[in-house]
Amino acid sequence: VQLVESGGGLVQAGDSLRLSCAVSGNTFSINTMGWYRQAPGKQRELVATITSGGISTNYADSVKGRFTISRDNAKNTMYLQMNSLKPEDTAVYYCQIVLPGLRIYWGQGTQVTVSS
């Protein structure tokens, strides 16, 4: 199983970005997909998760109302639409999937930098 993130970059406060996570390999019955982020000197933290079928989503309080997680099962791709970005959103963003048996896979990360 391989996860590849894309879409990061350098933007100004108030701008938007859309991150993508393309999943390849044995992706049958992915349970949950999610985005996490890690800022310098801080622990990795949950940003948002989405269940199979995209019915249920969960967001960190810090991004509620600004970020939207979605997935396209036909393309095995997950997205994170980030609006009204703030400097405190600066971090490396990682995608994660959970397969049956609690097998967890991570992407390599994509850098998001928001300047004030």
PDB file of N, CA and C in Angstrom:
ATOM      1  N   VAL A   1       0.846  -1.176   0.000  1.00  0.00           N
ATOM      2  CA  VAL A   1       0.000   0.000   0.000  1.00  0.00           C
ATOM      3  C   VAL A   1       0.890   1.237   0.000  1.00  0.00           C
ATOM      4  N   GLN A   2       0.556   2.179  -0.866  1.00  0.00           N
ATOM      5  CA  GLN A   2       1.350   3.404  -0.975  1.00  0.00           C
ATOM      6  C   GLN A   2       0.421   4.609  -0.957  1.00  0.00           C
ATOM      7  N   LEU A   3       0.797   5.632  -0.187  1.00  0.00           N
ATOM      8  CA  LEU A   3       0.048   6.871  -0.122  1.00  0.00           C
ATOM      9  C   LEU A   3       0.954   8.008  -0.575  1.00  0.00           C
ATOM     10  N   VAL A   4       0.451   8.834  -1.482  1.00  0.00           N
ATOM     11  CA  VAL A   4       1.238   9.948  -1.999  1.00  0.00           C
ATOM     12  C   VAL A   4       0.426  11.227  -1.873  1.00  0.00           C
ATOM     13  N   GLU A   5       0.934  12.151  -1.046  1.00  0.00           N
ATOM     14  CA  GLU A   5       0.267  13.438  -0.882  1.00  0.00           C
ATOM     15  C   GLU A   5       0.781  14.432  -1.917  1.00  0.00           C
ATOM     16  N   SER A   6      -0.058  15.388  -2.240  1.00  0.00           N
ATOM     17  CA  SER A   6       0.336  16.484  -3.123  1.00  0.00           C
ATOM     18  C   SER A   6      -0.546  17.686  -2.814  1.00  0.00           C
ATOM     19  N   GLY A   7      -0.123  18.848  -3.309  1.00  0.00           N
ATOM     20  CA  GLY A   7      -0.939  20.043  -3.176  1.00  0.00           C
ATOM     21  C   GLY A   7      -0.453  21.048  -2.152  1.00  0.00           C
ATOM     22  N   GLY A   8       0.591  20.716  -1.417  1.00  0.00           N
ATOM     23  CA  GLY A   8       1.106  21.663  -0.445  1.00  0.00           C
ATOM     24  C   GLY A   8       1.806  22.823  -1.120  1.00  0.00           C
ATOM     25  N   GLY A   9       2.169  23.826  -0.320  1.00  0.00           N
ATOM     26  CA  GLY A   9       2.869  24.961  -0.883  1.00  0.00           C
ATOM     27  C   GLY A   9       2.934  26.121   0.093  1.00  0.00           C
ATOM     28  N   LEU A  10       3.391  27.248  -0.429  1.00  0.00           N
ATOM     29  CA  LEU A  10       3.502  28.484   0.348  1.00  0.00           C
ATOM     30  C   LEU A  10       2.385  29.426  -0.081  1.00  0.00           C
ATOM     31  N   VAL A  11       1.572  29.830   0.889  1.00  0.00           N
ATOM     32  CA  VAL A  11       0.468  30.739   0.598  1.00  0.00           C
ATOM     33  C   VAL A  11       0.429  31.822   1.664  1.00  0.00           C
ATOM     34  N   GLN A  12      -0.417  32.817   1.422  1.00  0.00           N
ATOM     35  CA  GLN A  12      -0.605  33.887   2.401  1.00  0.00           C
ATOM     36  C   GLN A  12      -1.835  33.602   3.254  1.00  0.00           C
ATOM     37  N   ALA A  13      -1.857  34.211   4.415  1.00  0.00           N
ATOM     38  CA  ALA A  13      -3.011  34.061   5.301  1.00  0.00           C
ATOM     39  C   ALA A  13      -4.286  34.457   4.553  1.00  0.00           C
ATOM     40  N   GLY A  14      -5.313  33.635   4.722  1.00  0.00           N
ATOM     41  CA  GLY A  14      -6.582  33.876   4.049  1.00  0.00           C
ATOM     42  C   GLY A  14      -6.740  33.120   2.743  1.00  0.00           C
ATOM     43  N   ASP A  15      -5.649  32.596   2.222  1.00  0.00           N
ATOM     44  CA  ASP A  15      -5.704  31.840   0.969  1.00  0.00           C
ATOM     45  C   ASP A  15      -6.248  30.432   1.188  1.00  0.00           C
ATOM     46  N   SER A  16      -6.381  29.708   0.089  1.00  0.00           N
ATOM     47  CA  SER A  16      -6.872  28.335   0.135  1.00  0.00           C
ATOM     48  C   SER A  16      -5.881  27.393  -0.539  1.00  0.00           C
ATOM     49  N   LEU A  17      -5.929  26.143  -0.126  1.00  0.00           N
ATOM     50  CA  LEU A  17      -5.166  25.068  -0.754  1.00  0.00           C
ATOM     51  C   LEU A  17      -6.014  23.810  -0.714  1.00  0.00           C
ATOM     52  N   ARG A  18      -5.774  22.930  -1.682  1.00  0.00           N
ATOM     53  CA  ARG A  18      -6.407  21.615  -1.640  1.00  0.00           C
ATOM     54  C   ARG A  18      -5.323  20.551  -1.687  1.00  0.00           C
ATOM     55  N   LEU A  19      -5.279  19.751  -0.665  1.00  0.00           N
ATOM     56  CA  LEU A  19      -4.357  18.630  -0.618  1.00  0.00           C
ATOM     57  C   LEU A  19      -5.030  17.383  -1.169  1.00  0.00           C
ATOM     58  N   SER A  20      -4.226  16.539  -1.812  1.00  0.00           N
ATOM     59  CA  SER A  20      -4.712  15.260  -2.319  1.00  0.00           C
ATOM     60  C   SER A  20      -3.859  14.143  -1.763  1.00  0.00           C
ATOM     61  N   CYS A  21      -4.474  12.994  -1.596  1.00  0.00           N
ATOM     62  CA  CYS A  21      -3.763  11.790  -1.147  1.00  0.00           C
ATOM     63  C   CYS A  21      -4.207  10.644  -2.030  1.00  0.00           C
ATOM     64  N   ALA A  22      -3.314  10.206  -2.887  1.00  0.00           N
ATOM     65  CA  ALA A  22      -3.615   9.100  -3.797  1.00  0.00           C
ATOM     66  C   ALA A  22      -3.134   7.803  -3.171  1.00  0.00           C
ATOM     67  N   VAL A  23      -4.018   6.828  -3.110  1.00  0.00           N
ATOM     68  CA  VAL A  23      -3.718   5.547  -2.476  1.00  0.00           C
ATOM     69  C   VAL A  23      -3.627   4.464  -3.542  1.00  0.00           C
ATOM     70  N   SER A  24      -2.580   3.682  -3.507  1.00  0.00           N
ATOM     71  CA  SER A  24      -2.428   2.588  -4.451  1.00  0.00           C
ATOM     72  C   SER A  24      -2.084   1.311  -3.695  1.00  0.00           C
ATOM     73  N   GLY A  25      -2.216   0.185  -4.390  1.00  0.00           N
ATOM     74  CA  GLY A  25      -1.948  -1.103  -3.757  1.00  0.00           C
ATOM     75  C   GLY A  25      -3.234  -1.768  -3.324  1.00  0.00           C
ATOM     76  N   ASN A  26      -3.134  -2.625  -2.352  1.00  0.00           N
ATOM     77  CA  ASN A  26      -4.295  -3.362  -1.876  1.00  0.00           C
ATOM     78  C   ASN A  26      -5.144  -2.469  -0.983  1.00  0.00           C
ATOM     79  N   THR A  27      -6.071  -1.782  -1.591  1.00  0.00           N
ATOM     80  CA  THR A  27      -6.873  -0.813  -0.843  1.00  0.00           C
ATOM     81  C   THR A  27      -8.274  -1.323  -0.571  1.00  0.00           C
ATOM     82  N   PHE A  28      -8.466  -2.596  -0.719  1.00  0.00           N
ATOM     83  CA  PHE A  28      -9.791  -3.159  -0.497  1.00  0.00           C
ATOM     84  C   PHE A  28     -10.225  -2.926   0.930  1.00  0.00           C
ATOM     85  N   SER A  29     -11.450  -2.437   1.074  1.00  0.00           N
ATOM     86  CA  SER A  29     -12.057  -2.239   2.397  1.00  0.00           C
ATOM     87  C   SER A  29     -11.263  -1.306   3.297  1.00  0.00           C
ATOM     88  N   ILE A  30     -10.888  -0.160   2.757  1.00  0.00           N
ATOM     89  CA  ILE A  30     -10.299   0.866   3.628  1.00  0.00           C
ATOM     90  C   ILE A  30     -11.359   1.276   4.646  1.00  0.00           C
ATOM     91  N   ASN A  31     -10.992   1.265   5.901  1.00  0.00           N
ATOM     92  CA  ASN A  31     -11.937   1.669   6.941  1.00  0.00           C
ATOM     93  C   ASN A  31     -12.028   3.177   7.021  1.00  0.00           C
ATOM     94  N   THR A  32     -10.999   3.769   7.576  1.00  0.00           N
ATOM     95  CA  THR A  32     -11.004   5.211   7.795  1.00  0.00           C
ATOM     96  C   THR A  32      -9.804   5.835   7.102  1.00  0.00           C
ATOM     97  N   MET A  33     -10.003   7.026   6.594  1.00  0.00           N
ATOM     98  CA  MET A  33      -8.905   7.806   6.038  1.00  0.00           C
ATOM     99  C   MET A  33      -8.840   9.112   6.816  1.00  0.00           C
ATOM    100  N   GLY A  34      -7.645   9.667   6.897  1.00  0.00           N
ATOM    101  CA  GLY A  34      -7.536  10.897   7.680  1.00  0.00           C
ATOM    102  C   GLY A  34      -6.341  11.730   7.297  1.00  0.00           C
ATOM    103  N   TRP A  35      -6.394  12.969   7.721  1.00  0.00           N
ATOM    104  CA  TRP A  35      -5.286  13.907   7.576  1.00  0.00           C
ATOM    105  C   TRP A  35      -4.780  14.279   8.970  1.00  0.00           C
ATOM    106  N   TYR A  36      -3.467  14.300   9.080  1.00  0.00           N
ATOM    107  CA  TYR A  36      -2.796  14.718  10.305  1.00  0.00           C
ATOM    108  C   TYR A  36      -1.767  15.775   9.932  1.00  0.00           C
ATOM    109  N   ARG A  37      -1.300  16.513  10.914  1.00  0.00           N
ATOM    110  CA  ARG A  37      -0.261  17.502  10.637  1.00  0.00           C
ATOM    111  C   ARG A  37       0.715  17.586  11.806  1.00  0.00           C
ATOM    112  N   GLN A  38       1.919  18.003  11.461  1.00  0.00           N
ATOM    113  CA  GLN A  38       2.943  18.145  12.477  1.00  0.00           C
ATOM    114  C   GLN A  38       3.727  19.428  12.225  1.00  0.00           C
ATOM    115  N   ALA A  39       3.626  20.337  13.169  1.00  0.00           N
ATOM    116  CA  ALA A  39       4.373  21.587  13.094  1.00  0.00           C
ATOM    117  C   ALA A  39       5.725  21.400  13.771  1.00  0.00           C
ATOM    118  N   PRO A  40       6.711  22.226  13.437  1.00  0.00           N
ATOM    119  CA  PRO A  40       8.039  22.093  14.052  1.00  0.00           C
ATOM    120  C   PRO A  40       7.963  22.155  15.573  1.00  0.00           C
ATOM    121  N   GLY A  41       8.597  21.180  16.224  1.00  0.00           N
ATOM    122  CA  GLY A  41       8.625  21.154  17.671  1.00  0.00           C
ATOM    123  C   GLY A  41       7.359  20.687  18.335  1.00  0.00           C
ATOM    124  N   LYS A  42       6.381  20.250  17.551  1.00  0.00           N
ATOM    125  CA  LYS A  42       5.111  19.797  18.117  1.00  0.00           C
ATOM    126  C   LYS A  42       4.828  18.366  17.717  1.00  0.00           C
ATOM    127  N   GLN A  43       3.900  17.752  18.450  1.00  0.00           N
ATOM    128  CA  GLN A  43       3.498  16.386  18.130  1.00  0.00           C
ATOM    129  C   GLN A  43       2.549  16.389  16.935  1.00  0.00           C
ATOM    130  N   ARG A  44       2.512  15.276  16.254  1.00  0.00           N
ATOM    131  CA  ARG A  44       1.570  15.115  15.153  1.00  0.00           C
ATOM    132  C   ARG A  44       0.151  15.133  15.728  1.00  0.00           C
ATOM    133  N   GLU A  45      -0.736  15.848  15.042  1.00  0.00           N
ATOM    134  CA  GLU A  45      -2.092  15.978  15.545  1.00  0.00           C
ATOM    135  C   GLU A  45      -3.107  15.686  14.454  1.00  0.00           C
ATOM    136  N   LEU A  46      -4.265  15.239  14.910  1.00  0.00           N
ATOM    137  CA  LEU A  46      -5.356  14.956  13.988  1.00  0.00           C
ATOM    138  C   LEU A  46      -5.900  16.250  13.394  1.00  0.00           C
ATOM    139  N   VAL A  47      -6.152  16.228  12.095  1.00  0.00           N
ATOM    140  CA  VAL A  47      -6.815  17.347  11.437  1.00  0.00           C
ATOM    141  C   VAL A  47      -8.260  16.972  11.108  1.00  0.00           C
ATOM    142  N   ALA A  48      -8.415  15.838  10.412  1.00  0.00           N
ATOM    143  CA  ALA A  48      -9.761  15.419  10.017  1.00  0.00           C
ATOM    144  C   ALA A  48      -9.735  13.953   9.618  1.00  0.00           C
ATOM    145  N   THR A  49     -10.862  13.276   9.819  1.00  0.00           N
ATOM    146  CA  THR A  49     -10.997  11.892   9.378  1.00  0.00           C
ATOM    147  C   THR A  49     -12.317  11.721   8.650  1.00  0.00           C
ATOM    148  N   ILE A  50     -12.373  10.663   7.837  1.00  0.00           N
ATOM    149  CA  ILE A  50     -13.577  10.359   7.091  1.00  0.00           C
ATOM    150  C   ILE A  50     -13.708   8.844   6.994  1.00  0.00           C
ATOM    151  N   THR A  51     -14.921   8.344   7.207  1.00  0.00           N
ATOM    152  CA  THR A  51     -15.123   6.904   7.179  1.00  0.00           C
ATOM    153  C   THR A  51     -15.346   6.417   5.757  1.00  0.00           C
ATOM    154  N   SER A  52     -15.365   5.109   5.605  1.00  0.00           N
ATOM    155  CA  SER A  52     -15.615   4.523   4.289  1.00  0.00           C
ATOM    156  C   SER A  52     -16.987   4.972   3.808  1.00  0.00           C
ATOM    157  N   GLY A  53     -17.069   5.327   2.548  1.00  0.00           N
ATOM    158  CA  GLY A  53     -18.323   5.828   2.013  1.00  0.00           C
ATOM    159  C   GLY A  53     -18.479   7.313   2.210  1.00  0.00           C
ATOM    160  N   GLY A  54     -17.615   7.898   3.038  1.00  0.00           N
ATOM    161  CA  GLY A  54     -17.655   9.342   3.239  1.00  0.00           C
ATOM    162  C   GLY A  54     -18.836   9.838   4.021  1.00  0.00           C
ATOM    163  N   ILE A  55     -19.476   8.928   4.780  1.00  0.00           N
ATOM    164  CA  ILE A  55     -20.687   9.328   5.491  1.00  0.00           C
ATOM    165  C   ILE A  55     -20.376  10.142   6.732  1.00  0.00           C
ATOM    166  N   SER A  56     -19.351   9.747   7.456  1.00  0.00           N
ATOM    167  CA  SER A  56     -19.052  10.396   8.734  1.00  0.00           C
ATOM    168  C   SER A  56     -17.692  11.067   8.670  1.00  0.00           C
ATOM    169  N   THR A  57     -17.646  12.314   9.129  1.00  0.00           N
ATOM    170  CA  THR A  57     -16.393  13.058   9.183  1.00  0.00           C
ATOM    171  C   THR A  57     -16.176  13.593  10.593  1.00  0.00           C
ATOM    172  N   ASN A  58     -14.923  13.874  10.873  1.00  0.00           N
ATOM    173  CA  ASN A  58     -14.556  14.396  12.182  1.00  0.00           C
ATOM    174  C   ASN A  58     -13.439  15.408  11.977  1.00  0.00           C
ATOM    175  N   TYR A  59     -13.518  16.548  12.692  1.00  0.00           N
ATOM    176  CA  TYR A  59     -12.531  17.603  12.521  1.00  0.00           C
ATOM    177  C   TYR A  59     -11.974  18.058  13.861  1.00  0.00           C
ATOM    178  N   ALA A  60     -10.727  18.468  13.831  1.00  0.00           N
ATOM    179  CA  ALA A  60     -10.158  19.154  14.991  1.00  0.00           C
ATOM    180  C   ALA A  60     -10.877  20.493  15.144  1.00  0.00           C
ATOM    181  N   ASP A  61     -11.030  20.918  16.388  1.00  0.00           N
ATOM    182  CA  ASP A  61     -11.729  22.185  16.632  1.00  0.00           C
ATOM    183  C   ASP A  61     -11.056  23.346  15.907  1.00  0.00           C
ATOM    184  N   SER A  62      -9.758  23.283  15.780  1.00  0.00           N
ATOM    185  CA  SER A  62      -9.006  24.394  15.195  1.00  0.00           C
ATOM    186  C   SER A  62      -9.264  24.582  13.698  1.00  0.00           C
ATOM    187  N   VAL A  63      -9.831  23.567  13.047  1.00  0.00           N
ATOM    188  CA  VAL A  63     -10.053  23.678  11.597  1.00  0.00           C
ATOM    189  C   VAL A  63     -11.522  23.607  11.214  1.00  0.00           C
ATOM    190  N   LYS A  64     -12.394  23.384  12.179  1.00  0.00           N
ATOM    191  CA  LYS A  64     -13.824  23.297  11.878  1.00  0.00           C
ATOM    192  C   LYS A  64     -14.316  24.573  11.209  1.00  0.00           C
ATOM    193  N   GLY A  65     -15.085  24.382  10.147  1.00  0.00           N
ATOM    194  CA  GLY A  65     -15.621  25.527   9.417  1.00  0.00           C
ATOM    195  C   GLY A  65     -14.682  26.072   8.364  1.00  0.00           C
ATOM    196  N   ARG A  66     -13.421  25.643   8.375  1.00  0.00           N
ATOM    197  CA  ARG A  66     -12.447  26.125   7.384  1.00  0.00           C
ATOM    198  C   ARG A  66     -11.969  25.006   6.468  1.00  0.00           C
ATOM    199  N   PHE A  67     -11.826  23.807   7.014  1.00  0.00           N
ATOM    200  CA  PHE A  67     -11.318  22.677   6.244  1.00  0.00           C
ATOM    201  C   PHE A  67     -12.449  21.698   5.945  1.00  0.00           C
ATOM    202  N   THR A  68     -12.346  21.036   4.795  1.00  0.00           N
ATOM    203  CA  THR A  68     -13.317  20.016   4.424  1.00  0.00           C
ATOM    204  C   THR A  68     -12.588  18.791   3.894  1.00  0.00           C
ATOM    205  N   ILE A  69     -12.870  17.642   4.499  1.00  0.00           N
ATOM    206  CA  ILE A  69     -12.279  16.387   4.046  1.00  0.00           C
ATOM    207  C   ILE A  69     -13.287  15.665   3.160  1.00  0.00           C
ATOM    208  N   SER A  70     -12.780  15.031   2.118  1.00  0.00           N
ATOM    209  CA  SER A  70     -13.649  14.269   1.223  1.00  0.00           C
ATOM    210  C   SER A  70     -12.846  13.134   0.606  1.00  0.00           C
ATOM    211  N   ARG A  71     -13.529  12.207  -0.011  1.00  0.00           N
ATOM    212  CA  ARG A  71     -12.841  11.103  -0.656  1.00  0.00           C
ATOM    213  C   ARG A  71     -13.594  10.688  -1.905  1.00  0.00           C
ATOM    214  N   ASP A  72     -12.844  10.212  -2.873  1.00  0.00           N
ATOM    215  CA  ASP A  72     -13.393   9.680  -4.117  1.00  0.00           C
ATOM    216  C   ASP A  72     -12.947   8.231  -4.177  1.00  0.00           C
ATOM    217  N   ASN A  73     -13.831   7.323  -3.795  1.00  0.00           N
ATOM    218  CA  ASN A  73     -13.452   5.911  -3.725  1.00  0.00           C
ATOM    219  C   ASN A  73     -13.125   5.334  -5.099  1.00  0.00           C
ATOM    220  N   ALA A  74     -13.751   5.857  -6.123  1.00  0.00           N
ATOM    221  CA  ALA A  74     -13.477   5.355  -7.471  1.00  0.00           C
ATOM    222  C   ALA A  74     -12.043   5.658  -7.888  1.00  0.00           C
ATOM    223  N   LYS A  75     -11.513   6.757  -7.368  1.00  0.00           N
ATOM    224  CA  LYS A  75     -10.143   7.156  -7.700  1.00  0.00           C
ATOM    225  C   LYS A  75      -9.158   6.820  -6.588  1.00  0.00           C
ATOM    226  N   ASN A  76      -9.652   6.210  -5.503  1.00  0.00           N
ATOM    227  CA  ASN A  76      -8.789   5.921  -4.342  1.00  0.00           C
ATOM    228  C   ASN A  76      -8.025   7.159  -3.910  1.00  0.00           C
ATOM    229  N   THR A  77      -8.711   8.258  -3.837  1.00  0.00           N
ATOM    230  CA  THR A  77      -8.082   9.528  -3.504  1.00  0.00           C
ATOM    231  C   THR A  77      -8.882  10.242  -2.434  1.00  0.00           C
ATOM    232  N   MET A  78      -8.159  10.858  -1.520  1.00  0.00           N
ATOM    233  CA  MET A  78      -8.758  11.657  -0.461  1.00  0.00           C
ATOM    234  C   MET A  78      -8.285  13.088  -0.616  1.00  0.00           C
ATOM    235  N   TYR A  79      -9.125  14.016  -0.211  1.00  0.00           N
ATOM    236  CA  TYR A  79      -8.803  15.425  -0.364  1.00  0.00           C
ATOM    237  C   TYR A  79      -8.974  16.170   0.967  1.00  0.00           C
ATOM    238  N   LEU A  80      -8.267  17.280   1.066  1.00  0.00           N
ATOM    239  CA  LEU A  80      -8.479  18.194   2.176  1.00  0.00           C
ATOM    240  C   LEU A  80      -8.512  19.597   1.595  1.00  0.00           C
ATOM    241  N   GLN A  81      -9.694  20.172   1.553  1.00  0.00           N
ATOM    242  CA  GLN A  81      -9.854  21.550   1.102  1.00  0.00           C
ATOM    243  C   GLN A  81      -9.643  22.459   2.299  1.00  0.00           C
ATOM    244  N   MET A  82      -8.669  23.331   2.186  1.00  0.00           N
ATOM    245  CA  MET A  82      -8.320  24.214   3.293  1.00  0.00           C
ATOM    246  C   MET A  82      -8.570  25.655   2.881  1.00  0.00           C
ATOM    247  N   ASN A  83      -9.505  26.292   3.548  1.00  0.00           N
ATOM    248  CA  ASN A  83      -9.837  27.681   3.271  1.00  0.00           C
ATOM    249  C   ASN A  83      -9.460  28.562   4.463  1.00  0.00           C
ATOM    250  N   SER A  84      -9.380  29.844   4.205  1.00  0.00           N
ATOM    251  CA  SER A  84      -9.070  30.816   5.270  1.00  0.00           C
ATOM    252  C   SER A  84      -7.859  30.374   6.084  1.00  0.00           C
ATOM    253  N   LEU A  85      -6.805  30.037   5.395  1.00  0.00           N
ATOM    254  CA  LEU A  85      -5.619  29.513   6.070  1.00  0.00           C
ATOM    255  C   LEU A  85      -4.995  30.558   6.980  1.00  0.00           C
ATOM    256  N   LYS A  86      -4.448  30.061   8.084  1.00  0.00           N
ATOM    257  CA  LYS A  86      -3.812  30.911   9.089  1.00  0.00           C
ATOM    258  C   LYS A  86      -2.350  30.497   9.258  1.00  0.00           C
ATOM    259  N   PRO A  87      -1.502  31.391   9.727  1.00  0.00           N
ATOM    260  CA  PRO A  87      -0.100  31.009   9.950  1.00  0.00           C
ATOM    261  C   PRO A  87       0.038  29.784  10.858  1.00  0.00           C
ATOM    262  N   GLU A  88      -0.866  29.631  11.802  1.00  0.00           N
ATOM    263  CA  GLU A  88      -0.790  28.471  12.704  1.00  0.00           C
ATOM    264  C   GLU A  88      -1.165  27.159  12.023  1.00  0.00           C
ATOM    265  N   ASP A  89      -1.606  27.221  10.780  1.00  0.00           N
ATOM    266  CA  ASP A  89      -1.854  25.999  10.021  1.00  0.00           C
ATOM    267  C   ASP A  89      -0.571  25.474   9.373  1.00  0.00           C
ATOM    268  N   THR A  90       0.500  26.228   9.486  1.00  0.00           N
ATOM    269  CA  THR A  90       1.781  25.809   8.911  1.00  0.00           C
ATOM    270  C   THR A  90       2.248  24.510   9.549  1.00  0.00           C
ATOM    271  N   ALA A  91       2.507  23.504   8.711  1.00  0.00           N
ATOM    272  CA  ALA A  91       2.903  22.184   9.198  1.00  0.00           C
ATOM    273  C   ALA A  91       3.164  21.273   8.002  1.00  0.00           C
ATOM    274  N   VAL A  92       3.700  20.112   8.296  1.00  0.00           N
ATOM    275  CA  VAL A  92       3.731  19.036   7.310  1.00  0.00           C
ATOM    276  C   VAL A  92       2.439  18.241   7.485  1.00  0.00           C
ATOM    277  N   TYR A  93       1.724  18.064   6.400  1.00  0.00           N
ATOM    278  CA  TYR A  93       0.443  17.366   6.434  1.00  0.00           C
ATOM    279  C   TYR A  93       0.628  15.947   5.906  1.00  0.00           C
ATOM    280  N   TYR A  94       0.107  14.984   6.674  1.00  0.00           N
ATOM    281  CA  TYR A  94       0.224  13.581   6.341  1.00  0.00           C
ATOM    282  C   TYR A  94      -1.159  12.959   6.157  1.00  0.00           C
ATOM    283  N   CYS A  95      -1.276  12.086   5.180  1.00  0.00           N
ATOM    284  CA  CYS A  95      -2.510  11.325   5.084  1.00  0.00           C
ATOM    285  C   CYS A  95      -2.278   9.938   5.679  1.00  0.00           C
ATOM    286  N   GLN A  96      -3.347   9.377   6.164  1.00  0.00           N
ATOM    287  CA  GLN A  96      -3.303   8.071   6.825  1.00  0.00           C
ATOM    288  C   GLN A  96      -4.514   7.261   6.407  1.00  0.00           C
ATOM    289  N   ILE A  97      -4.319   5.952   6.252  1.00  0.00           N
ATOM    290  CA  ILE A  97      -5.457   5.063   6.049  1.00  0.00           C
ATOM    291  C   ILE A  97      -5.386   3.940   7.069  1.00  0.00           C
ATOM    292  N   VAL A  98      -6.550   3.418   7.408  1.00  0.00           N
ATOM    293  CA  VAL A  98      -6.648   2.295   8.325  1.00  0.00           C
ATOM    294  C   VAL A  98      -7.357   1.166   7.593  1.00  0.00           C
ATOM    295  N   LEU A  99      -6.694   0.030   7.487  1.00  0.00           N
ATOM    296  CA  LEU A  99      -7.268  -1.157   6.837  1.00  0.00           C
ATOM    297  C   LEU A  99      -7.765  -2.129   7.902  1.00  0.00           C
ATOM    298  N   PRO A 100      -8.583  -3.092   7.503  1.00  0.00           N
ATOM    299  CA  PRO A 100      -9.035  -4.106   8.474  1.00  0.00           C
ATOM    300  C   PRO A 100      -7.862  -4.724   9.218  1.00  0.00           C
ATOM    301  N   GLY A 101      -8.087  -4.993  10.502  1.00  0.00           N
ATOM    302  CA  GLY A 101      -7.006  -5.507  11.333  1.00  0.00           C
ATOM    303  C   GLY A 101      -6.146  -4.388  11.899  1.00  0.00           C
ATOM    304  N   LEU A 102      -6.657  -3.150  11.801  1.00  0.00           N
ATOM    305  CA  LEU A 102      -5.960  -1.967  12.320  1.00  0.00           C
ATOM    306  C   LEU A 102      -4.578  -1.803  11.695  1.00  0.00           C
ATOM    307  N   ARG A 103      -4.465  -2.149  10.425  1.00  0.00           N
ATOM    308  CA  ARG A 103      -3.223  -1.878   9.710  1.00  0.00           C
ATOM    309  C   ARG A 103      -3.243  -0.410   9.289  1.00  0.00           C
ATOM    310  N   ILE A 104      -2.228   0.328   9.700  1.00  0.00           N
ATOM    311  CA  ILE A 104      -2.175   1.769   9.476  1.00  0.00           C
ATOM    312  C   ILE A 104      -1.026   2.095   8.534  1.00  0.00           C
ATOM    313  N   TYR A 105      -1.331   2.940   7.557  1.00  0.00           N
ATOM    314  CA  TYR A 105      -0.328   3.375   6.593  1.00  0.00           C
ATOM    315  C   TYR A 105      -0.314   4.899   6.523  1.00  0.00           C
ATOM    316  N   TRP A 106       0.889   5.432   6.305  1.00  0.00           N
ATOM    317  CA  TRP A 106       1.078   6.883   6.233  1.00  0.00           C
ATOM    318  C   TRP A 106       1.715   7.273   4.901  1.00  0.00           C
ATOM    319  N   GLY A 107       1.410   8.490   4.485  1.00  0.00           N
ATOM    320  CA  GLY A 107       2.111   9.072   3.352  1.00  0.00           C
ATOM    321  C   GLY A 107       3.395   9.726   3.825  1.00  0.00           C
ATOM    322  N   GLN A 108       4.119  10.299   2.870  1.00  0.00           N
ATOM    323  CA  GLN A 108       5.419  10.895   3.189  1.00  0.00           C
ATOM    324  C   GLN A 108       5.298  12.326   3.676  1.00  0.00           C
ATOM    325  N   GLY A 109       4.128  12.918   3.493  1.00  0.00           N
ATOM    326  CA  GLY A 109       3.904  14.279   3.977  1.00  0.00           C
ATOM    327  C   GLY A 109       4.081  15.332   2.902  1.00  0.00           C
ATOM    328  N   THR A 110       3.352  16.422   3.048  1.00  0.00           N
ATOM    329  CA  THR A 110       3.485  17.559   2.150  1.00  0.00           C
ATOM    330  C   THR A 110       3.495  18.834   3.000  1.00  0.00           C
ATOM    331  N   GLN A 111       4.399  19.736   2.672  1.00  0.00           N
ATOM    332  CA  GLN A 111       4.576  20.939   3.483  1.00  0.00           C
ATOM    333  C   GLN A 111       3.551  22.006   3.101  1.00  0.00           C
ATOM    334  N   VAL A 112       2.925  22.559   4.124  1.00  0.00           N
ATOM    335  CA  VAL A 112       2.034  23.711   3.948  1.00  0.00           C
ATOM    336  C   VAL A 112       2.601  24.837   4.792  1.00  0.00           C
ATOM    337  N   THR A 113       2.885  25.960   4.150  1.00  0.00           N
ATOM    338  CA  THR A 113       3.410  27.124   4.850  1.00  0.00           C
ATOM    339  C   THR A 113       2.498  28.316   4.587  1.00  0.00           C
ATOM    340  N   VAL A 114       2.034  28.926   5.664  1.00  0.00           N
ATOM    341  CA  VAL A 114       1.121  30.069   5.549  1.00  0.00           C
ATOM    342  C   VAL A 114       1.824  31.289   6.137  1.00  0.00           C
ATOM    343  N   SER A 115       2.046  32.287   5.304  1.00  0.00           N
ATOM    344  CA  SER A 115       2.711  33.502   5.763  1.00  0.00           C
ATOM    345  C   SER A 115       1.675  34.540   6.187  1.00  0.00           C
ATOM    346  N   SER A 116       2.063  35.354   7.151  1.00  0.00           N
ATOM    347  CA  SER A 116       1.132  36.372   7.669  1.00  0.00           C
ATOM    348  C   SER A 116       1.213  37.657   6.872  1.00  0.00           C
TER     349      SER A 116
END
